Amino acid sequence: MHIVVCIKQVPDSAQIRVHPVTNTIMRQGVPTIINPYDLFALEEALRLRDRFGGEVTVLTLGPPMAEDSLRKALAFGADRAVLLTDRFFAGSDTLATSFALSMALKKIGEEFGEPPIVFTGKQTIDGDTAQVGPGIAKRRDLNQLTYVARIVEVDPAAGEITVERRAEGGLQVLKSRMPVLITMLEGANEMRRGTLDNALGAARAQVVRWSAADAGIEDLTKCGLRGSPTIVKKVFAPTARAEKAKRVNTEEGTTAEANAAALVEAIFTRQPDLQTDLMRMAGNHYLPGGH
């Protein structure tokens, strides 16, 4: 089984800076890491490879220095690393990124075998959009299984996979035909420690480097800033409120229901227009007292 994991090298969130003119993230001089959510995807891919055999290919789009994150993935146990790098990709938003990665996935399928499963993390810590994974799935016509908490069963012979997916109100158990794209949730597993052999192999490994032309991308207007309709108008830190939070004290021995009622009463007392606003939004379905 050939599995592809899309990862991203992101700035350490503790040291992110924003360019004052372009409003884009400044990556120069900022320490970088593998997007933490992508590590859950990588570990799940490695577990499936260990169980069913095959290979794990790690793919990323980024500048040449993104090779560091790919080598880290190789040190964890991945079999192959592909770096999609070209000046035409600079400034890509999620639309342009998903296009470039989908083209690279097509090339990977031609070169190394079609992957029945493509993994990504649920989102990245620098963009937080969760759009790239679904965007790739749409472009490659893959079934989407997003926010997956656990792989329940994989049947390579039947070409089926069953997963648990987090949803509002609980978990969904879904069965899908492969090929699929899966976005993994945090906490789905624990990243393994790479072996010494993996570390030595990662240091010696040749990372596959593809330009836009190598990946078969002919229409460069879909790449980089030219292919990115997203415009960041302004980046700013929220202004701190002058009004401080108020603590609602409860009496010892009172029930949870009484404490909740006291809290609700304090909220409506402090914000007298809130009840009217809620009733206007919800019609007559909202009435004080839970009726």
Protein backbone atom coordinates (compact mmCIF):
# COMPACT_ATOMS: atom_id res chain seq x y z
CA MET A 1 0.00 0.00 0.00
CA HIS A 2 1.40 3.37 -1.05
CA ILE A 3 0.36 6.19 1.30
CA VAL A 4 1.09 9.90 0.79
CA VAL A 5 1.24 12.37 3.68
CA CYS A 6 1.08 16.10 2.93
CA ILE A 7 2.94 18.10 5.54
CA LYS A 8 3.84 21.74 5.92
CA GLN A 9 6.83 23.48 7.45
CA VAL A 10 5.43 26.31 9.56
CA PRO A 11 6.96 29.07 11.67
CA ASP A 12 7.14 28.38 15.38
CA SER A 13 3.87 29.93 16.54
CA ALA A 14 5.62 31.61 19.46
CA GLN A 15 7.77 33.69 17.09
CA ILE A 16 5.48 34.51 14.16
CA ARG A 17 5.91 37.96 12.61
CA VAL A 18 3.73 39.65 9.99
CA HIS A 19 5.05 41.83 7.17
CA PRO A 20 3.74 45.39 7.73
CA VAL A 21 3.07 46.02 4.01
CA THR A 22 1.98 42.71 2.47
CA ASN A 23 0.30 41.34 5.63
CA THR A 24 1.88 37.94 4.91
CA ILE A 25 3.77 35.85 7.44
CA MET A 26 7.50 36.63 7.55
CA ARG A 27 9.35 33.33 7.53
CA GLN A 28 12.92 34.57 7.23
CA GLY A 29 14.86 34.25 10.46
CA VAL A 30 11.99 32.51 12.26
CA PRO A 31 12.51 28.95 13.59
CA THR A 32 10.37 26.41 11.75
CA ILE A 33 8.75 23.12 12.72
CA ILE A 34 6.57 20.47 11.12
CA ASN A 35 2.97 21.55 11.50
CA PRO A 36 1.97 19.70 14.71
CA TYR A 37 -1.33 18.42 13.28
CA ASP A 38 0.55 16.81 10.38
CA LEU A 39 2.49 14.61 12.78
CA PHE A 40 -0.73 12.79 13.70
CA ALA A 41 -1.30 12.16 10.00
CA LEU A 42 2.26 10.92 9.54
CA GLU A 43 2.08 8.53 12.49
CA GLU A 44 -1.21 7.07 11.25
CA ALA A 45 0.31 6.52 7.80
CA LEU A 46 3.33 4.78 9.32
CA ARG A 47 1.07 2.51 11.38
CA LEU A 48 -0.86 1.44 8.28
CA ARG A 49 2.38 0.78 6.40
CA ASP A 50 3.69 -1.31 9.29
CA ARG A 51 0.46 -3.31 9.27
CA PHE A 52 -0.13 -3.77 5.54
CA GLY A 53 3.32 -3.16 4.03
CA GLY A 54 4.12 -0.68 1.28
CA GLU A 55 5.62 2.80 1.37
CA VAL A 56 4.95 6.20 2.88
CA THR A 57 5.78 9.23 0.75
CA VAL A 58 5.89 12.64 2.42
CA LEU A 59 5.07 15.67 0.26
CA THR A 60 5.42 19.36 0.98
CA LEU A 61 5.30 22.63 -0.92
CA GLY A 62 7.69 25.34 0.18
CA PRO A 63 11.06 27.02 -0.15
CA PRO A 64 14.28 24.97 -0.30
CA MET A 65 14.63 25.13 3.50
CA ALA A 66 11.45 23.03 3.80
CA GLU A 67 13.72 20.07 3.11
CA ASP A 68 14.58 20.15 6.83
CA SER A 69 11.05 19.13 7.75
CA LEU A 70 11.03 16.41 5.12
CA ARG A 71 14.24 14.94 6.54
CA LYS A 72 12.64 15.02 9.98
CA ALA A 73 9.74 13.02 8.56
CA LEU A 74 12.23 10.55 7.07
CA ALA A 75 13.87 10.26 10.48
CA PHE A 76 10.48 9.24 11.91
CA GLY A 77 10.31 6.42 9.38
CA ALA A 78 8.88 7.74 6.09
CA ASP A 79 10.25 6.02 2.99
CA ARG A 80 10.39 8.90 0.52
CA ALA A 81 10.25 12.70 0.56
CA VAL A 82 9.14 15.03 -2.24
CA LEU A 83 9.70 18.79 -2.12
CA LEU A 84 7.66 20.92 -4.50
CA THR A 85 9.60 24.15 -4.72
CA ASP A 86 9.62 26.96 -7.26
CA ARG A 87 9.61 30.74 -7.17
CA PHE A 88 6.24 30.63 -8.93
CA PHE A 89 4.69 29.22 -5.73
CA ALA A 90 5.59 32.24 -3.59
CA GLY A 91 2.59 33.84 -1.91
CA SER A 92 0.21 30.94 -2.54
CA ASP A 93 -3.06 30.95 -0.65
CA THR A 94 -5.05 27.77 0.04
CA LEU A 95 -6.54 27.67 -3.47
CA ALA A 96 -3.16 27.90 -5.20
CA THR A 97 -1.54 25.54 -2.69
CA SER A 98 -4.17 22.84 -3.16
CA PHE A 99 -3.78 23.13 -6.94
CA ALA A 100 0.01 22.71 -6.82
CA LEU A 101 -0.16 19.82 -4.35
CA SER A 102 -2.86 18.06 -6.38
CA MET A 103 -0.63 18.24 -9.45
CA ALA A 104 2.30 16.87 -7.44
CA LEU A 105 0.07 14.02 -6.20
CA LYS A 106 -0.76 13.15 -9.80
CA LYS A 107 2.95 13.07 -10.59
CA ILE A 108 3.65 10.93 -7.51
CA GLY A 109 1.01 8.46 -8.67
CA GLU A 110 2.66 8.23 -12.07
CA GLU A 111 6.18 7.88 -10.68
CA PHE A 112 5.71 5.77 -7.53
CA GLY A 113 2.22 4.29 -7.72
CA GLU A 114 -1.28 5.64 -7.09
CA PRO A 115 -1.94 6.12 -3.36
CA PRO A 116 -5.25 4.74 -2.09
CA ILE A 117 -4.91 6.97 1.00
CA VAL A 118 -3.67 10.56 1.26
CA PHE A 119 -3.26 12.01 4.74
CA THR A 120 -3.09 15.61 5.95
CA GLY A 121 -3.41 17.23 9.35
CA LYS A 122 -6.79 18.81 10.12
CA GLN A 123 -5.28 22.29 9.57
CA THR A 124 -2.06 24.27 9.96
CA ILE A 125 -1.15 26.50 12.88
CA ASP A 126 -0.13 29.42 10.66
CA GLY A 127 -3.26 29.59 8.49
CA ASP A 128 -5.87 27.67 10.52
CA THR A 129 -8.18 27.44 7.50
CA ALA A 130 -8.46 23.62 7.16
CA GLN A 131 -9.04 24.21 3.44
CA VAL A 132 -6.03 22.62 1.73
CA GLY A 133 -6.91 18.99 2.47
CA PRO A 134 -10.48 19.25 1.13
CA GLY A 135 -9.17 21.33 -1.77
CA ILE A 136 -6.78 18.55 -2.78
CA ALA A 137 -9.55 15.97 -2.46
CA LYS A 138 -11.81 17.97 -4.76
CA ARG A 139 -9.14 18.43 -7.40
CA ARG A 140 -8.04 14.78 -7.31
CA ASP A 141 -11.61 13.44 -7.05
CA LEU A 142 -10.90 11.70 -3.73
CA ASN A 143 -13.51 10.87 -1.11
CA GLN A 144 -13.10 13.21 1.87
CA LEU A 145 -12.93 11.97 5.45
CA THR A 146 -12.23 15.05 7.54
CA TYR A 147 -11.62 15.43 11.30
CA VAL A 148 -10.89 11.72 11.66
CA ALA A 149 -10.24 10.61 15.24
CA ARG A 150 -9.50 6.92 14.56
CA ILE A 151 -8.98 4.49 11.72
CA VAL A 152 -11.32 1.61 12.58
CA GLU A 153 -10.61 -0.79 9.72
CA VAL A 154 -8.89 -0.90 6.35
CA ASP A 155 -9.65 -3.58 3.77
CA PRO A 156 -7.15 -3.18 0.91
CA ALA A 157 -8.62 -6.12 -1.02
CA ALA A 158 -12.12 -4.63 -1.00
CA GLY A 159 -10.78 -1.09 -1.33
CA GLU A 160 -12.72 0.10 1.72
CA ILE A 161 -11.87 2.03 4.87
CA THR A 162 -13.88 2.67 8.03
CA VAL A 163 -13.14 5.60 10.34
CA GLU A 164 -14.47 7.46 13.34
CA ARG A 165 -15.02 11.13 12.62
CA ARG A 166 -15.60 13.84 15.19
CA ALA A 167 -18.80 15.75 14.59
CA GLU A 168 -21.01 18.13 16.53
CA GLY A 169 -22.79 16.13 19.17
CA GLY A 170 -20.58 13.05 19.06
CA LEU A 171 -18.75 10.70 16.70
CA GLN A 172 -19.69 9.44 13.26
CA VAL A 173 -18.60 6.01 12.00
CA LEU A 174 -18.13 6.21 8.25
CA LYS A 175 -17.20 3.61 5.64
CA SER A 176 -15.82 4.80 2.33
CA ARG A 177 -14.40 3.45 -0.85
CA MET A 178 -10.76 4.24 -1.52
CA PRO A 179 -9.00 6.32 -2.73
CA VAL A 180 -9.64 8.78 0.07
CA LEU A 181 -8.14 11.88 1.61
CA ILE A 182 -8.11 11.86 5.41
CA THR A 183 -7.49 14.84 7.67
CA MET A 184 -6.42 13.64 11.11
CA LEU A 185 -7.38 15.21 14.41
CA GLU A 186 -4.99 16.02 17.20
CA GLY A 187 -4.63 13.36 19.87
CA ALA A 188 -5.50 10.55 17.45
CA ASN A 189 -2.18 8.85 18.23
CA GLU A 190 1.27 9.52 19.63
CA MET A 191 4.22 10.19 17.34
CA ARG A 192 6.82 7.47 17.54
CA ARG A 193 10.48 8.00 18.23
CA GLY A 194 12.54 7.43 15.12
CA THR A 195 15.19 4.72 15.20
CA LEU A 196 18.90 5.30 14.78
CA ASP A 197 18.75 3.62 11.37
CA ASN A 198 15.95 6.00 10.34
CA ALA A 199 17.99 9.00 11.46
CA LEU A 200 21.09 7.87 9.58
CA GLY A 201 19.01 7.08 6.52
CA ALA A 202 17.33 10.49 6.63
CA ALA A 203 20.70 12.24 6.69
CA ARG A 204 21.85 10.34 3.59
CA ALA A 205 18.53 10.28 1.73
CA GLN A 206 18.04 12.16 -1.51
CA VAL A 207 14.95 14.36 -1.29
CA VAL A 208 13.09 14.45 -4.60
CA ARG A 209 12.83 18.08 -5.76
CA TRP A 210 10.26 19.10 -8.34
CA SER A 211 9.73 22.49 -9.90
CA ALA A 212 6.39 23.57 -11.30
CA ALA A 213 7.41 22.19 -14.68
CA ASP A 214 8.56 18.89 -13.14
CA ALA A 215 5.13 18.48 -11.53
CA GLY A 216 3.44 19.00 -14.89
CA ILE A 217 2.04 22.43 -14.07
CA GLU A 218 1.59 24.33 -17.32
CA ASP A 219 -0.78 27.11 -16.26
CA LEU A 220 1.32 29.21 -13.89
CA THR A 221 -1.50 31.71 -13.44
CA LYS A 222 -2.98 29.21 -10.95
CA CYS A 223 0.15 29.35 -8.79
CA GLY A 224 1.56 31.82 -6.27
CA LEU A 225 0.13 35.29 -5.87
CA ARG A 226 -1.37 35.27 -9.37
CA GLY A 227 -3.42 32.22 -8.53
CA SER A 228 -4.42 33.42 -5.06
CA PRO A 229 -7.69 35.37 -4.90
CA THR A 230 -7.41 35.73 -1.12
CA ILE A 231 -6.40 39.22 0.01
CA VAL A 232 -5.46 39.94 3.62
CA LYS A 233 -6.78 43.43 4.29
CA LYS A 234 -5.42 43.85 7.78
CA VAL A 235 -3.63 41.90 10.49
CA PHE A 236 -3.91 43.17 14.06
CA ALA A 237 -3.99 42.11 17.67
CA PRO A 238 -7.41 42.53 19.35
CA THR A 239 -7.65 45.51 21.66
CA ALA A 240 -7.86 44.52 25.30
CA ARG A 241 -11.17 45.33 26.92
CA ALA A 242 -11.12 48.05 29.52
CA GLU A 243 -13.91 46.35 31.42
CA LYS A 244 -12.67 43.51 33.58
CA ALA A 245 -14.38 40.20 34.11
CA LYS A 246 -16.66 39.93 37.13
CA ARG A 247 -16.60 36.92 39.40
CA VAL A 248 -19.88 35.44 40.53
CA ASN A 249 -19.50 33.93 43.98
CA THR A 250 -21.55 30.92 44.98
CA GLU A 251 -22.47 29.72 48.43
CA GLU A 252 -21.03 26.49 49.74
CA GLY A 253 -23.46 23.60 49.62
CA THR A 254 -25.65 25.00 46.84
CA THR A 255 -26.60 22.77 43.91
CA ALA A 256 -25.18 23.05 40.41
CA GLU A 257 -28.61 24.16 39.17
CA ALA A 258 -28.70 27.00 41.71
CA ASN A 259 -25.19 28.09 40.77
CA ALA A 260 -26.11 28.06 37.07
CA ALA A 261 -29.24 30.10 37.76
CA ALA A 262 -27.21 32.66 39.72
CA LEU A 263 -24.73 32.94 36.86
CA VAL A 264 -27.48 33.47 34.26
CA GLU A 265 -29.11 36.09 36.47
CA ALA A 266 -25.79 37.90 36.85
CA ILE A 267 -25.26 37.88 33.08
CA PHE A 268 -28.67 39.36 32.34
CA THR A 269 -28.27 41.94 35.09
CA ARG A 270 -24.92 43.06 33.71
CA GLN A 271 -26.14 43.05 30.09
CA PRO A 272 -29.79 44.19 30.18
CA ASP A 273 -30.17 44.18 26.38
CA LEU A 274 -28.97 40.59 25.97
CA GLN A 275 -32.33 38.96 26.64
CA THR A 276 -34.06 41.16 24.04
CA ASP A 277 -31.35 40.42 21.48
CA LEU A 278 -31.61 36.68 22.04
CA MET A 279 -35.37 36.72 21.70
CA ARG A 280 -35.12 38.72 18.49
CA MET A 281 -32.65 36.23 16.99
CA ALA A 282 -34.47 33.10 18.07
CA GLY A 283 -38.05 34.30 17.77
CA ASN A 284 -40.26 33.13 20.59
CA HIS A 285 -38.33 29.88 21.13
CA TYR A 286 -36.11 31.43 23.80
CA LEU A 287 -37.74 32.27 27.07
CA PRO A 288 -36.05 32.81 30.46
CA GLY A 289 -36.26 29.85 32.78
CA GLY A 290 -35.74 27.24 30.06
CA HIS A 291 -39.42 27.10 28.89
